[in-house]
mmCIF file of all heavy atoms, coordinates in Angstrom:
data_MODEL
# 
_entry.id   MODEL 
# 
loop_
_atom_site.group_PDB 
_atom_site.id 
_atom_site.type_symbol 
_atom_site.label_atom_id 
_atom_site.label_alt_id 
_atom_site.label_comp_id 
_atom_site.label_asym_id 
_atom_site.label_entity_id 
_atom_site.label_seq_id 
_atom_site.pdbx_PDB_ins_code 
_atom_site.Cartn_x 
_atom_site.Cartn_y 
_atom_site.Cartn_z 
_atom_site.occupancy 
_atom_site.B_iso_or_equiv 
_atom_site.pdbx_formal_charge 
_atom_site.auth_seq_id 
_atom_site.auth_comp_id 
_atom_site.auth_asym_id 
_atom_site.auth_atom_id 
_atom_site.pdbx_PDB_model_num 
ATOM 1   N N   . TRP A 1 1  ? -34.286 0.439  43.944 1.00 0.00 ? 1  TRP A N   1 
ATOM 2   C CA  . TRP A 1 1  ? -34.720 1.408  42.897 1.00 0.00 ? 1  TRP A CA  1 
ATOM 3   C C   . TRP A 1 1  ? -33.874 2.656  42.961 1.00 0.00 ? 1  TRP A C   1 
ATOM 4   O O   . TRP A 1 1  ? -33.198 2.965  43.860 1.00 0.00 ? 1  TRP A O   1 
ATOM 5   C CB  . TRP A 1 1  ? -36.199 1.797  43.199 1.00 0.00 ? 1  TRP A CB  1 
ATOM 6   C CG  . TRP A 1 1  ? -36.345 2.336  44.619 1.00 0.00 ? 1  TRP A CG  1 
ATOM 7   C CD1 . TRP A 1 1  ? -36.649 1.564  45.770 1.00 0.00 ? 1  TRP A CD1 1 
ATOM 8   C CD2 . TRP A 1 1  ? -36.341 3.661  45.071 1.00 0.00 ? 1  TRP A CD2 1 
ATOM 9   N NE1 . TRP A 1 1  ? -36.779 2.430  46.839 1.00 0.00 ? 1  TRP A NE1 1 
ATOM 10  C CE2 . TRP A 1 1  ? -36.542 3.720  46.405 1.00 0.00 ? 1  TRP A CE2 1 
ATOM 11  C CE3 . TRP A 1 1  ? -36.043 4.859  44.406 1.00 0.00 ? 1  TRP A CE3 1 
ATOM 12  C CZ2 . TRP A 1 1  ? -36.573 4.867  47.182 1.00 0.00 ? 1  TRP A CZ2 1 
ATOM 13  C CZ3 . TRP A 1 1  ? -36.090 6.046  45.116 1.00 0.00 ? 1  TRP A CZ3 1 
ATOM 14  C CH2 . TRP A 1 1  ? -36.295 6.082  46.517 1.00 0.00 ? 1  TRP A CH2 1 
ATOM 15  N N   . ALA A 1 2  ? -34.012 3.364  41.816 1.00 0.00 ? 2  ALA A N   1 
ATOM 16  C CA  . ALA A 1 2  ? -33.376 4.697  41.605 1.00 0.00 ? 2  ALA A CA  1 
ATOM 17  C C   . ALA A 1 2  ? -34.354 5.560  40.889 1.00 0.00 ? 2  ALA A C   1 
ATOM 18  O O   . ALA A 1 2  ? -35.181 5.179  40.073 1.00 0.00 ? 2  ALA A O   1 
ATOM 19  C CB  . ALA A 1 2  ? -32.104 4.585  40.817 1.00 0.00 ? 2  ALA A CB  1 
ATOM 20  N N   . ALA A 1 3  ? -34.331 6.870  41.254 1.00 0.00 ? 3  ALA A N   1 
ATOM 21  C CA  . ALA A 1 3  ? -35.278 7.845  40.606 1.00 0.00 ? 3  ALA A CA  1 
ATOM 22  C C   . ALA A 1 3  ? -34.468 9.032  40.172 1.00 0.00 ? 3  ALA A C   1 
ATOM 23  O O   . ALA A 1 3  ? -33.569 9.538  40.815 1.00 0.00 ? 3  ALA A O   1 
ATOM 24  C CB  . ALA A 1 3  ? -36.321 8.246  41.608 1.00 0.00 ? 3  ALA A CB  1 
ATOM 25  N N   . GLU A 1 4  ? -34.832 9.532  38.951 1.00 0.00 ? 4  GLU A N   1 
ATOM 26  C CA  . GLU A 1 4  ? -34.140 10.678 38.373 1.00 0.00 ? 4  GLU A CA  1 
ATOM 27  C C   . GLU A 1 4  ? -35.204 11.711 38.036 1.00 0.00 ? 4  GLU A C   1 
ATOM 28  O O   . GLU A 1 4  ? -36.227 11.465 37.415 1.00 0.00 ? 4  GLU A O   1 
ATOM 29  C CB  . GLU A 1 4  ? -33.536 10.256 37.045 1.00 0.00 ? 4  GLU A CB  1 
ATOM 30  C CG  . GLU A 1 4  ? -32.901 11.397 36.327 1.00 0.00 ? 4  GLU A CG  1 
ATOM 31  C CD  . GLU A 1 4  ? -32.424 11.008 34.877 1.00 0.00 ? 4  GLU A CD  1 
ATOM 32  O OE1 . GLU A 1 4  ? -32.285 9.761  34.675 1.00 0.00 ? 4  GLU A OE1 1 
ATOM 33  O OE2 . GLU A 1 4  ? -32.273 11.874 34.054 1.00 0.00 ? 4  GLU A OE2 1 
ATOM 34  N N   . LYS A 1 5  ? -35.004 12.937 38.543 1.00 0.00 ? 5  LYS A N   1 
ATOM 35  C CA  . LYS A 1 5  ? -35.864 14.054 38.256 1.00 0.00 ? 5  LYS A CA  1 
ATOM 36  C C   . LYS A 1 5  ? -35.441 14.549 36.885 1.00 0.00 ? 5  LYS A C   1 
ATOM 37  O O   . LYS A 1 5  ? -34.229 14.828 36.603 1.00 0.00 ? 5  LYS A O   1 
ATOM 38  C CB  . LYS A 1 5  ? -35.767 15.232 39.277 1.00 0.00 ? 5  LYS A CB  1 
ATOM 39  C CG  . LYS A 1 5  ? -36.728 16.286 39.026 1.00 0.00 ? 5  LYS A CG  1 
ATOM 40  C CD  . LYS A 1 5  ? -36.636 17.368 40.151 1.00 0.00 ? 5  LYS A CD  1 
ATOM 41  C CE  . LYS A 1 5  ? -37.726 18.406 39.885 1.00 0.00 ? 5  LYS A CE  1 
ATOM 42  N NZ  . LYS A 1 5  ? -37.638 19.448 40.925 1.00 0.00 ? 5  LYS A NZ  1 
ATOM 43  N N   . VAL A 1 6  ? -36.434 14.648 35.955 1.00 0.00 ? 6  VAL A N   1 
ATOM 44  C CA  . VAL A 1 6  ? -36.236 15.090 34.641 1.00 0.00 ? 6  VAL A CA  1 
ATOM 45  C C   . VAL A 1 6  ? -36.081 16.621 34.666 1.00 0.00 ? 6  VAL A C   1 
ATOM 46  O O   . VAL A 1 6  ? -37.032 17.309 35.033 1.00 0.00 ? 6  VAL A O   1 
ATOM 47  C CB  . VAL A 1 6  ? -37.293 14.678 33.613 1.00 0.00 ? 6  VAL A CB  1 
ATOM 48  C CG1 . VAL A 1 6  ? -37.074 15.147 32.194 1.00 0.00 ? 6  VAL A CG1 1 
ATOM 49  C CG2 . VAL A 1 6  ? -37.410 13.169 33.671 1.00 0.00 ? 6  VAL A CG2 1 
ATOM 50  N N   . GLU A 1 7  ? -34.916 17.170 34.260 1.00 0.00 ? 7  GLU A N   1 
ATOM 51  C CA  . GLU A 1 7  ? -34.693 18.552 34.380 1.00 0.00 ? 7  GLU A CA  1 
ATOM 52  C C   . GLU A 1 7  ? -34.925 19.378 33.083 1.00 0.00 ? 7  GLU A C   1 
ATOM 53  O O   . GLU A 1 7  ? -34.921 20.572 33.046 1.00 0.00 ? 7  GLU A O   1 
ATOM 54  C CB  . GLU A 1 7  ? -33.266 18.825 34.808 1.00 0.00 ? 7  GLU A CB  1 
ATOM 55  C CG  . GLU A 1 7  ? -32.849 18.145 36.162 1.00 0.00 ? 7  GLU A CG  1 
ATOM 56  C CD  . GLU A 1 7  ? -33.557 18.795 37.344 1.00 0.00 ? 7  GLU A CD  1 
ATOM 57  O OE1 . GLU A 1 7  ? -34.089 19.894 37.278 1.00 0.00 ? 7  GLU A OE1 1 
ATOM 58  O OE2 . GLU A 1 7  ? -33.522 18.247 38.456 1.00 0.00 ? 7  GLU A OE2 1 
ATOM 59  N N   . GLY A 1 8  ? -35.103 18.567 31.977 1.00 0.00 ? 8  GLY A N   1 
ATOM 60  C CA  . GLY A 1 8  ? -35.314 19.294 30.657 1.00 0.00 ? 8  GLY A CA  1 
ATOM 61  C C   . GLY A 1 8  ? -35.011 18.290 29.545 1.00 0.00 ? 8  GLY A C   1 
ATOM 62  O O   . GLY A 1 8  ? -34.677 17.184 29.771 1.00 0.00 ? 8  GLY A O   1 
ATOM 63  N N   . GLY A 1 9  ? -35.282 18.784 28.320 1.00 0.00 ? 9  GLY A N   1 
ATOM 64  C CA  . GLY A 1 9  ? -35.093 17.939 27.148 1.00 0.00 ? 9  GLY A CA  1 
ATOM 65  C C   . GLY A 1 9  ? -36.123 16.846 27.048 1.00 0.00 ? 9  GLY A C   1 
ATOM 66  O O   . GLY A 1 9  ? -37.290 17.057 27.402 1.00 0.00 ? 9  GLY A O   1 
ATOM 67  N N   . VAL A 1 10 ? -35.735 15.708 26.537 1.00 0.00 ? 10 VAL A N   1 
ATOM 68  C CA  . VAL A 1 10 ? -36.641 14.551 26.309 1.00 0.00 ? 10 VAL A CA  1 
ATOM 69  C C   . VAL A 1 10 ? -36.088 13.347 27.176 1.00 0.00 ? 10 VAL A C   1 
ATOM 70  O O   . VAL A 1 10 ? -34.870 13.287 27.447 1.00 0.00 ? 10 VAL A O   1 
ATOM 71  C CB  . VAL A 1 10 ? -36.727 14.145 24.824 1.00 0.00 ? 10 VAL A CB  1 
ATOM 72  C CG1 . VAL A 1 10 ? -37.402 15.281 24.061 1.00 0.00 ? 10 VAL A CG1 1 
ATOM 73  C CG2 . VAL A 1 10 ? -35.450 13.727 24.210 1.00 0.00 ? 10 VAL A CG2 1 
ATOM 74  N N   . ARG A 1 11 ? -37.037 12.461 27.514 1.00 0.00 ? 11 ARG A N   1 
ATOM 75  C CA  . ARG A 1 11 ? -36.586 11.289 28.362 1.00 0.00 ? 11 ARG A CA  1 
ATOM 76  C C   . ARG A 1 11 ? -37.528 10.188 27.963 1.00 0.00 ? 11 ARG A C   1 
ATOM 77  O O   . ARG A 1 11 ? -38.724 10.396 27.773 1.00 0.00 ? 11 ARG A O   1 
ATOM 78  C CB  . ARG A 1 11 ? -36.726 11.650 29.805 1.00 0.00 ? 11 ARG A CB  1 
ATOM 79  C CG  . ARG A 1 11 ? -36.053 10.678 30.789 1.00 0.00 ? 11 ARG A CG  1 
ATOM 80  C CD  . ARG A 1 11 ? -34.558 10.587 30.606 1.00 0.00 ? 11 ARG A CD  1 
ATOM 81  N NE  . ARG A 1 11 ? -33.939 9.869  31.595 1.00 0.00 ? 11 ARG A NE  1 
ATOM 82  C CZ  . ARG A 1 11 ? -33.971 8.537  31.698 1.00 0.00 ? 11 ARG A CZ  1 
ATOM 83  N NH1 . ARG A 1 11 ? -34.575 7.835  30.761 1.00 0.00 ? 11 ARG A NH1 1 
ATOM 84  N NH2 . ARG A 1 11 ? -33.403 7.925  32.636 1.00 0.00 ? 11 ARG A NH2 1 
ATOM 85  N N   . ASN A 1 12 ? -37.035 8.967  27.930 1.00 0.00 ? 12 ASN A N   1 
ATOM 86  C CA  . ASN A 1 12 ? -37.788 7.791  27.655 1.00 0.00 ? 12 ASN A CA  1 
ATOM 87  C C   . ASN A 1 12 ? -37.328 6.616  28.406 1.00 0.00 ? 12 ASN A C   1 
ATOM 88  O O   . ASN A 1 12 ? -36.262 6.626  29.030 1.00 0.00 ? 12 ASN A O   1 
ATOM 89  C CB  . ASN A 1 12 ? -37.783 7.484  26.135 1.00 0.00 ? 12 ASN A CB  1 
ATOM 90  C CG  . ASN A 1 12 ? -36.459 7.086  25.596 1.00 0.00 ? 12 ASN A CG  1 
ATOM 91  O OD1 . ASN A 1 12 ? -35.439 7.655  25.880 1.00 0.00 ? 12 ASN A OD1 1 
ATOM 92  N ND2 . ASN A 1 12 ? -36.384 6.037  24.741 1.00 0.00 ? 12 ASN A ND2 1 
ATOM 93  N N   . ILE A 1 13 ? -38.224 5.554  28.479 1.00 0.00 ? 13 ILE A N   1 
ATOM 94  C CA  . ILE A 1 13 ? -37.876 4.313  29.118 1.00 0.00 ? 13 ILE A CA  1 
ATOM 95  C C   . ILE A 1 13 ? -38.229 3.221  28.086 1.00 0.00 ? 13 ILE A C   1 
ATOM 96  O O   . ILE A 1 13 ? -39.065 3.419  27.294 1.00 0.00 ? 13 ILE A O   1 
ATOM 97  C CB  . ILE A 1 13 ? -38.597 4.109  30.439 1.00 0.00 ? 13 ILE A CB  1 
ATOM 98  C CG1 . ILE A 1 13 ? -40.051 4.225  30.277 1.00 0.00 ? 13 ILE A CG1 1 
ATOM 99  C CG2 . ILE A 1 13 ? -38.081 5.147  31.460 1.00 0.00 ? 13 ILE A CG2 1 
ATOM 100 C CD1 . ILE A 1 13 ? -40.950 3.893  31.547 1.00 0.00 ? 13 ILE A CD1 1 
ATOM 101 N N   . SER A 1 14 ? -37.620 2.069  28.259 1.00 0.00 ? 14 SER A N   1 
ATOM 102 C CA  . SER A 1 14 ? -38.001 0.952  27.395 1.00 0.00 ? 14 SER A CA  1 
ATOM 103 C C   . SER A 1 14 ? -37.219 -0.292 27.711 1.00 0.00 ? 14 SER A C   1 
ATOM 104 O O   . SER A 1 14 ? -36.085 -0.440 27.278 1.00 0.00 ? 14 SER A O   1 
ATOM 105 C CB  . SER A 1 14 ? -37.781 1.309  25.894 1.00 0.00 ? 14 SER A CB  1 
ATOM 106 O OG  . SER A 1 14 ? -38.255 0.244  25.112 1.00 0.00 ? 14 SER A OG  1 
ATOM 107 N N   . ASN A 1 15 ? -37.792 -1.156 28.431 1.00 0.00 ? 15 ASN A N   1 
ATOM 108 C CA  . ASN A 1 15 ? -37.287 -2.582 28.661 1.00 0.00 ? 15 ASN A CA  1 
ATOM 109 C C   . ASN A 1 15 ? -35.803 -2.664 29.031 1.00 0.00 ? 15 ASN A C   1 
ATOM 110 O O   . ASN A 1 15 ? -35.196 -3.651 28.684 1.00 0.00 ? 15 ASN A O   1 
ATOM 111 C CB  . ASN A 1 15 ? -37.585 -3.389 27.387 1.00 0.00 ? 15 ASN A CB  1 
ATOM 112 C CG  . ASN A 1 15 ? -39.047 -3.598 27.198 1.00 0.00 ? 15 ASN A CG  1 
ATOM 113 O OD1 . ASN A 1 15 ? -39.751 -2.628 26.975 1.00 0.00 ? 15 ASN A OD1 1 
ATOM 114 N ND2 . ASN A 1 15 ? -39.533 -4.819 27.172 1.00 0.00 ? 15 ASN A ND2 1 
ATOM 115 N N   . GLN A 1 16 ? -35.285 -1.631 29.599 1.00 0.00 ? 16 GLN A N   1 
ATOM 116 C CA  . GLN A 1 16 ? -33.908 -1.670 30.124 1.00 0.00 ? 16 GLN A CA  1 
ATOM 117 C C   . GLN A 1 16 ? -33.790 -0.580 31.170 1.00 0.00 ? 16 GLN A C   1 
ATOM 118 O O   . GLN A 1 16 ? -34.497 0.406  31.114 1.00 0.00 ? 16 GLN A O   1 
ATOM 119 C CB  . GLN A 1 16 ? -32.837 -1.589 29.025 1.00 0.00 ? 16 GLN A CB  1 
ATOM 120 C CG  . GLN A 1 16 ? -32.840 -0.204 28.415 1.00 0.00 ? 16 GLN A CG  1 
ATOM 121 C CD  . GLN A 1 16 ? -31.848 -0.039 27.260 1.00 0.00 ? 16 GLN A CD  1 
ATOM 122 O OE1 . GLN A 1 16 ? -31.879 -0.872 26.365 1.00 0.00 ? 16 GLN A OE1 1 
ATOM 123 N NE2 . GLN A 1 16 ? -30.951 0.912  27.395 1.00 0.00 ? 16 GLN A NE2 1 
ATOM 124 N N   . LEU A 1 17 ? -32.805 -0.661 32.048 1.00 0.00 ? 17 LEU A N   1 
ATOM 125 C CA  . LEU A 1 17 ? -32.513 0.415  32.942 1.00 0.00 ? 17 LEU A CA  1 
ATOM 126 C C   . LEU A 1 17 ? -31.793 1.478  32.188 1.00 0.00 ? 17 LEU A C   1 
ATOM 127 O O   . LEU A 1 17 ? -30.964 1.244  31.368 1.00 0.00 ? 17 LEU A O   1 
ATOM 128 C CB  . LEU A 1 17 ? -31.641 -0.101 34.117 1.00 0.00 ? 17 LEU A CB  1 
ATOM 129 C CG  . LEU A 1 17 ? -32.315 -1.145 34.971 1.00 0.00 ? 17 LEU A CG  1 
ATOM 130 C CD1 . LEU A 1 17 ? -31.289 -1.635 36.043 1.00 0.00 ? 17 LEU A CD1 1 
ATOM 131 C CD2 . LEU A 1 17 ? -33.586 -0.740 35.606 1.00 0.00 ? 17 LEU A CD2 1 
ATOM 132 N N   . SER A 1 18 ? -32.198 2.792  32.466 1.00 0.00 ? 18 SER A N   1 
ATOM 133 C CA  . SER A 1 18 ? -31.630 3.895  31.757 1.00 0.00 ? 18 SER A CA  1 
ATOM 134 C C   . SER A 1 18 ? -31.135 4.973  32.699 1.00 0.00 ? 18 SER A C   1 
ATOM 135 O O   . SER A 1 18 ? -30.472 5.895  32.155 1.00 0.00 ? 18 SER A O   1 
ATOM 136 C CB  . SER A 1 18 ? -32.643 4.465  30.771 1.00 0.00 ? 18 SER A CB  1 
ATOM 137 O OG  . SER A 1 18 ? -33.755 4.994  31.475 1.00 0.00 ? 18 SER A OG  1 
ATOM 138 N N   . ILE A 1 19 ? -31.359 4.874  33.960 1.00 0.00 ? 19 ILE A N   1 
ATOM 139 C CA  . ILE A 1 19 ? -30.799 5.838  34.925 1.00 0.00 ? 19 ILE A CA  1 
ATOM 140 C C   . ILE A 1 19 ? -29.359 5.446  35.105 1.00 0.00 ? 19 ILE A C   1 
ATOM 141 O O   . ILE A 1 19 ? -29.025 4.315  35.527 1.00 0.00 ? 19 ILE A O   1 
ATOM 142 C CB  . ILE A 1 19 ? -31.607 5.794  36.290 1.00 0.00 ? 19 ILE A CB  1 
ATOM 143 C CG1 . ILE A 1 19 ? -33.030 6.362  35.958 1.00 0.00 ? 19 ILE A CG1 1 
ATOM 144 C CG2 . ILE A 1 19 ? -30.869 6.710  37.300 1.00 0.00 ? 19 ILE A CG2 1 
ATOM 145 C CD1 . ILE A 1 19 ? -33.924 6.269  37.210 1.00 0.00 ? 19 ILE A CD1 1 
ATOM 146 N N   . THR A 1 20 ? -28.485 6.429  34.868 1.00 0.00 ? 20 THR A N   1 
ATOM 147 C CA  . THR A 1 20 ? -27.026 6.134  35.013 1.00 0.00 ? 20 THR A CA  1 
ATOM 148 C C   . THR A 1 20 ? -26.493 6.723  36.353 1.00 0.00 ? 20 THR A C   1 
ATOM 149 O O   . THR A 1 20 ? -26.686 6.189  37.393 1.00 0.00 ? 20 THR A O   1 
ATOM 150 C CB  . THR A 1 20 ? -26.247 6.524  33.779 1.00 0.00 ? 20 THR A CB  1 
ATOM 151 O OG1 . THR A 1 20 ? -26.500 7.931  33.575 1.00 0.00 ? 20 THR A OG1 1 
ATOM 152 C CG2 . THR A 1 20 ? -26.663 5.762  32.575 1.00 0.00 ? 20 THR A CG2 1 
ATOM 153 N N   . THR A 1 21 ? -25.845 7.894  36.144 1.00 0.00 ? 21 THR A N   1 
ATOM 154 C CA  . THR A 1 21 ? -25.160 8.469  37.382 1.00 0.00 ? 21 THR A CA  1 
ATOM 155 C C   . THR A 1 21 ? -25.967 9.713  37.985 1.00 0.00 ? 21 THR A C   1 
ATOM 156 O O   . THR A 1 21 ? -25.696 10.077 39.053 1.00 0.00 ? 21 THR A O   1 
ATOM 157 C CB  . THR A 1 21 ? -23.754 9.043  36.994 1.00 0.00 ? 21 THR A CB  1 
ATOM 158 O OG1 . THR A 1 21 ? -23.901 9.916  35.956 1.00 0.00 ? 21 THR A OG1 1 
ATOM 159 C CG2 . THR A 1 21 ? -22.890 7.891  36.562 1.00 0.00 ? 21 THR A CG2 1 
ATOM 160 N N   . LYS A 1 22 ? -27.016 10.144 37.288 1.00 0.00 ? 22 LYS A N   1 
ATOM 161 C CA  . LYS A 1 22 ? -27.885 11.195 37.834 1.00 0.00 ? 22 LYS A CA  1 
ATOM 162 C C   . LYS A 1 22 ? -29.026 10.564 38.573 1.00 0.00 ? 22 LYS A C   1 
ATOM 163 O O   . LYS A 1 22 ? -30.006 10.178 38.040 1.00 0.00 ? 22 LYS A O   1 
ATOM 164 C CB  . LYS A 1 22 ? -28.421 12.156 36.732 1.00 0.00 ? 22 LYS A CB  1 
ATOM 165 C CG  . LYS A 1 22 ? -29.289 13.293 37.261 1.00 0.00 ? 22 LYS A CG  1 
ATOM 166 C CD  . LYS A 1 22 ? -29.870 14.068 36.155 1.00 0.00 ? 22 LYS A CD  1 
ATOM 167 C CE  . LYS A 1 22 ? -30.713 15.226 36.633 1.00 0.00 ? 22 LYS A CE  1 
ATOM 168 N NZ  . LYS A 1 22 ? -31.693 14.923 37.633 1.00 0.00 ? 22 LYS A NZ  1 
ATOM 169 N N   . ILE A 1 23 ? -28.808 10.410 39.849 1.00 0.00 ? 23 ILE A N   1 
ATOM 170 C CA  . ILE A 1 23 ? -29.785 9.712  40.662 1.00 0.00 ? 23 ILE A CA  1 
ATOM 171 C C   . ILE A 1 23 ? -30.179 10.790 41.778 1.00 0.00 ? 23 ILE A C   1 
ATOM 172 O O   . ILE A 1 23 ? -29.371 11.299 42.551 1.00 0.00 ? 23 ILE A O   1 
ATOM 173 C CB  . ILE A 1 23 ? -29.220 8.520  41.432 1.00 0.00 ? 23 ILE A CB  1 
ATOM 174 C CG1 . ILE A 1 23 ? -28.795 7.470  40.343 1.00 0.00 ? 23 ILE A CG1 1 
ATOM 175 C CG2 . ILE A 1 23 ? -30.175 7.899  42.340 1.00 0.00 ? 23 ILE A CG2 1 
ATOM 176 C CD1 . ILE A 1 23 ? -27.953 6.292  40.914 1.00 0.00 ? 23 ILE A CD1 1 
ATOM 177 N N   . ASP A 1 24 ? -31.458 11.126 41.713 1.00 0.00 ? 24 ASP A N   1 
ATOM 178 C CA  . ASP A 1 24 ? -31.962 12.146 42.708 1.00 0.00 ? 24 ASP A CA  1 
ATOM 179 C C   . ASP A 1 24 ? -32.634 11.596 43.921 1.00 0.00 ? 24 ASP A C   1 
ATOM 180 O O   . ASP A 1 24 ? -32.673 12.203 44.974 1.00 0.00 ? 24 ASP A O   1 
ATOM 181 C CB  . ASP A 1 24 ? -32.943 13.097 41.937 1.00 0.00 ? 24 ASP A CB  1 
ATOM 182 C CG  . ASP A 1 24 ? -32.280 13.831 40.857 1.00 0.00 ? 24 ASP A CG  1 
ATOM 183 O OD1 . ASP A 1 24 ? -31.369 14.598 41.089 1.00 0.00 ? 24 ASP A OD1 1 
ATOM 184 O OD2 . ASP A 1 24 ? -32.684 13.575 39.661 1.00 0.00 ? 24 ASP A OD2 1 
ATOM 185 N N   . ARG A 1 25 ? -33.077 10.352 43.865 1.00 0.00 ? 25 ARG A N   1 
ATOM 186 C CA  . ARG A 1 25 ? -33.558 9.614  44.981 1.00 0.00 ? 25 ARG A CA  1 
ATOM 187 C C   . ARG A 1 25 ? -33.225 8.171  44.803 1.00 0.00 ? 25 ARG A C   1 
ATOM 188 O O   . ARG A 1 25 ? -33.155 7.688  43.626 1.00 0.00 ? 25 ARG A O   1 
ATOM 189 C CB  . ARG A 1 25 ? -35.152 9.762  45.128 1.00 0.00 ? 25 ARG A CB  1 
ATOM 190 C CG  . ARG A 1 25 ? -35.547 11.188 45.498 1.00 0.00 ? 25 ARG A CG  1 
ATOM 191 C CD  . ARG A 1 25 ? -37.070 11.292 45.757 1.00 0.00 ? 25 ARG A CD  1 
ATOM 192 N NE  . ARG A 1 25 ? -37.583 10.275 46.713 1.00 0.00 ? 25 ARG A NE  1 
ATOM 193 C CZ  . ARG A 1 25 ? -38.813 10.072 46.960 1.00 0.00 ? 25 ARG A CZ  1 
ATOM 194 N NH1 . ARG A 1 25 ? -39.782 10.665 46.218 1.00 0.00 ? 25 ARG A NH1 1 
ATOM 195 N NH2 . ARG A 1 25 ? -39.224 9.179  47.810 1.00 0.00 ? 25 ARG A NH2 1 
ATOM 196 N N   . GLU A 1 26 ? -33.034 7.404  45.904 1.00 0.00 ? 26 GLU A N   1 
ATOM 197 C CA  . GLU A 1 26 ? -32.648 6.007  45.709 1.00 0.00 ? 26 GLU A CA  1 
ATOM 198 C C   . GLU A 1 26 ? -33.035 5.200  46.924 1.00 0.00 ? 26 GLU A C   1 
ATOM 199 O O   . GLU A 1 26 ? -33.261 5.797  48.022 1.00 0.00 ? 26 GLU A O   1 
ATOM 200 C CB  . GLU A 1 26 ? -31.099 5.871  45.510 1.00 0.00 ? 26 GLU A CB  1 
ATOM 201 C CG  . GLU A 1 26 ? -30.257 6.289  46.732 1.00 0.00 ? 26 GLU A CG  1 
ATOM 202 C CD  . GLU A 1 26 ? -28.852 6.417  46.361 1.00 0.00 ? 26 GLU A CD  1 
ATOM 203 O OE1 . GLU A 1 26 ? -28.424 7.169  45.471 1.00 0.00 ? 26 GLU A OE1 1 
ATOM 204 O OE2 . GLU A 1 26 ? -28.058 5.765  47.087 1.00 0.00 ? 26 GLU A OE2 1 
ATOM 205 N N   . HIS A 1 27 ? -33.104 3.887  46.728 1.00 0.00 ? 27 HIS A N   1 
ATOM 206 C CA  . HIS A 1 27 ? -33.319 2.967  47.917 1.00 0.00 ? 27 HIS A CA  1 
ATOM 207 C C   . HIS A 1 27 ? -32.173 3.187  48.884 1.00 0.00 ? 27 HIS A C   1 
ATOM 208 O O   . HIS A 1 27 ? -31.011 3.301  48.442 1.00 0.00 ? 27 HIS A O   1 
ATOM 209 C CB  . HIS A 1 27 ? -33.426 1.507  47.331 1.00 0.00 ? 27 HIS A CB  1 
ATOM 210 C CG  . HIS A 1 27 ? -33.733 0.569  48.441 1.00 0.00 ? 27 HIS A CG  1 
ATOM 211 N ND1 . HIS A 1 27 ? -32.801 0.137  49.319 1.00 0.00 ? 27 HIS A ND1 1 
ATOM 212 C CD2 . HIS A 1 27 ? -34.928 -0.069 48.648 1.00 0.00 ? 27 HIS A CD2 1 
ATOM 213 C CE1 . HIS A 1 27 ? -33.402 -0.731 50.186 1.00 0.00 ? 27 HIS A CE1 1 
ATOM 214 N NE2 . HIS A 1 27 ? -34.661 -0.921 49.832 1.00 0.00 ? 27 HIS A NE2 1 
ATOM 215 N N   . PRO A 1 28 ? -32.416 3.267  50.189 1.00 0.00 ? 28 PRO A N   1 
ATOM 216 C CA  . PRO A 1 28 ? -31.370 3.521  51.115 1.00 0.00 ? 28 PRO A CA  1 
ATOM 217 C C   . PRO A 1 28 ? -30.246 2.510  51.122 1.00 0.00 ? 28 PRO A C   1 
ATOM 218 O O   . PRO A 1 28 ? -29.149 2.835  51.496 1.00 0.00 ? 28 PRO A O   1 
ATOM 219 C CB  . PRO A 1 28 ? -32.121 3.595  52.489 1.00 0.00 ? 28 PRO A CB  1 
ATOM 220 C CG  . PRO A 1 28 ? -33.494 3.150  52.224 1.00 0.00 ? 28 PRO A CG  1 
ATOM 221 C CD  . PRO A 1 28 ? -33.782 3.165  50.724 1.00 0.00 ? 28 PRO A CD  1 
# 
């Protein structure tokens, strides 16, 4: 898994991975 903290603006998800290089937490 990967987690991204939303820092502003808008964010959505939908039937695909969308976290790219901004990863704030991740599986070790």
